[in-house]
């Protein structure tokens, strides 16, 4: 019996915990879980690298 390739687990993003410390959305974790069950950086406290701005700007 042949088995298909296992999907490799994606590593969760690495948040800056110093920025996340007082965030009420992610509760200090720096990441949030989407409806699909995936982790993504908190859009309230973490900078978006594609945007080129910091989280406060």
C-alpha atoms as a PDB file:
ATOM      1  CA  UNK A   1       0.000   0.000   0.000  1.00  0.00           C
ATOM      2  CA  UNK A   2       1.362   3.405  -0.944  1.00  0.00           C
ATOM      3  CA  UNK A   3       1.124   6.387   1.343  1.00  0.00           C
ATOM      4  CA  UNK A   4       1.084  10.001   0.263  1.00  0.00           C
ATOM      5  CA  UNK A   5       3.621  12.460   1.521  1.00  0.00           C
ATOM      6  CA  UNK A   6       2.821  13.875   4.919  1.00  0.00           C
ATOM      7  CA  UNK A   7       2.276  17.590   5.027  1.00  0.00           C
ATOM      8  CA  UNK A   8       5.094  19.148   6.999  1.00  0.00           C
ATOM      9  CA  UNK A   9       3.857  21.212   9.921  1.00  0.00           C
ATOM     10  CA  UNK A  10       4.381  24.911   9.401  1.00  0.00           C
ATOM     11  CA  UNK A  11       6.279  26.687  12.107  1.00  0.00           C
ATOM     12  CA  UNK A  12       4.281  29.415  13.822  1.00  0.00           C
ATOM     13  CA  UNK A  13       5.493  32.991  13.349  1.00  0.00           C
ATOM     14  CA  UNK A  14       7.973  34.366  15.868  1.00  0.00           C
ATOM     15  CA  UNK A  15       6.440  37.398  17.599  1.00  0.00           C
ATOM     16  CA  UNK A  16       8.306  40.087  19.497  1.00  0.00           C
ATOM     17  CA  UNK A  17       7.059  39.422  23.020  1.00  0.00           C
ATOM     18  CA  UNK A  18       8.177  42.807  24.298  1.00  0.00           C
ATOM     19  CA  UNK A  19       5.668  44.406  21.891  1.00  0.00           C
ATOM     20  CA  UNK A  20       2.949  41.927  22.874  1.00  0.00           C
ATOM     21  CA  UNK A  21       3.286  42.392  26.631  1.00  0.00           C
ATOM     22  CA  UNK A  22       0.231  44.670  27.132  1.00  0.00           C
ATOM     23  CA  UNK A  23      -1.825  43.688  24.080  1.00  0.00           C
ATOM     24  CA  UNK A  24      -5.446  42.886  24.882  1.00  0.00           C
ATOM     25  CA  UNK A  25      -6.115  41.136  21.563  1.00  0.00           C
ATOM     26  CA  UNK A  26      -3.460  38.416  21.803  1.00  0.00           C
ATOM     27  CA  UNK A  27      -3.152  38.560  25.612  1.00  0.00           C
ATOM     28  CA  UNK A  28       0.612  38.941  25.420  1.00  0.00           C
ATOM     29  CA  UNK A  29       1.285  35.972  23.149  1.00  0.00           C
ATOM     30  CA  UNK A  30       1.979  37.999  19.998  1.00  0.00           C
ATOM     31  CA  UNK A  31       0.025  35.581  17.814  1.00  0.00           C
ATOM     32  CA  UNK A  32      -3.635  34.845  17.232  1.00  0.00           C
ATOM     33  CA  UNK A  33      -5.301  31.691  15.917  1.00  0.00           C
ATOM     34  CA  UNK A  34      -7.334  32.107  12.736  1.00  0.00           C
ATOM     35  CA  UNK A  35     -10.635  30.385  12.012  1.00  0.00           C
ATOM     36  CA  UNK A  36      -8.637  27.862   9.988  1.00  0.00           C
ATOM     37  CA  UNK A  37      -6.613  26.961  13.074  1.00  0.00           C
ATOM     38  CA  UNK A  38      -3.406  28.594  11.873  1.00  0.00           C
ATOM     39  CA  UNK A  39      -1.236  30.937  13.915  1.00  0.00           C
ATOM     40  CA  UNK A  40      -0.530  34.404  12.589  1.00  0.00           C
ATOM     41  CA  UNK A  41       1.085  37.480  14.079  1.00  0.00           C
ATOM     42  CA  UNK A  42      -1.249  39.742  16.021  1.00  0.00           C
ATOM     43  CA  UNK A  43      -2.183  42.684  13.800  1.00  0.00           C
ATOM     44  CA  UNK A  44      -2.533  44.983  16.832  1.00  0.00           C
ATOM     45  CA  UNK A  45       0.913  44.677  18.384  1.00  0.00           C
ATOM     46  CA  UNK A  46       3.249  43.067  15.834  1.00  0.00           C
ATOM     47  CA  UNK A  47       4.793  44.913  12.880  1.00  0.00           C
ATOM     48  CA  UNK A  48       3.857  43.780   9.391  1.00  0.00           C
ATOM     49  CA  UNK A  49       7.123  43.116   7.507  1.00  0.00           C
ATOM     50  CA  UNK A  50       5.399  43.621   4.147  1.00  0.00           C
ATOM     51  CA  UNK A  51       4.089  47.014   5.213  1.00  0.00           C
ATOM     52  CA  UNK A  52       7.457  48.494   6.140  1.00  0.00           C
ATOM     53  CA  UNK A  53       6.017  50.314   9.167  1.00  0.00           C
ATOM     54  CA  UNK A  54       6.163  49.437  12.848  1.00  0.00           C
ATOM     55  CA  UNK A  55       3.136  48.278  14.839  1.00  0.00           C
ATOM     56  CA  UNK A  56       2.477  51.695  16.325  1.00  0.00           C
ATOM     57  CA  UNK A  57       2.558  53.608  13.035  1.00  0.00           C
END
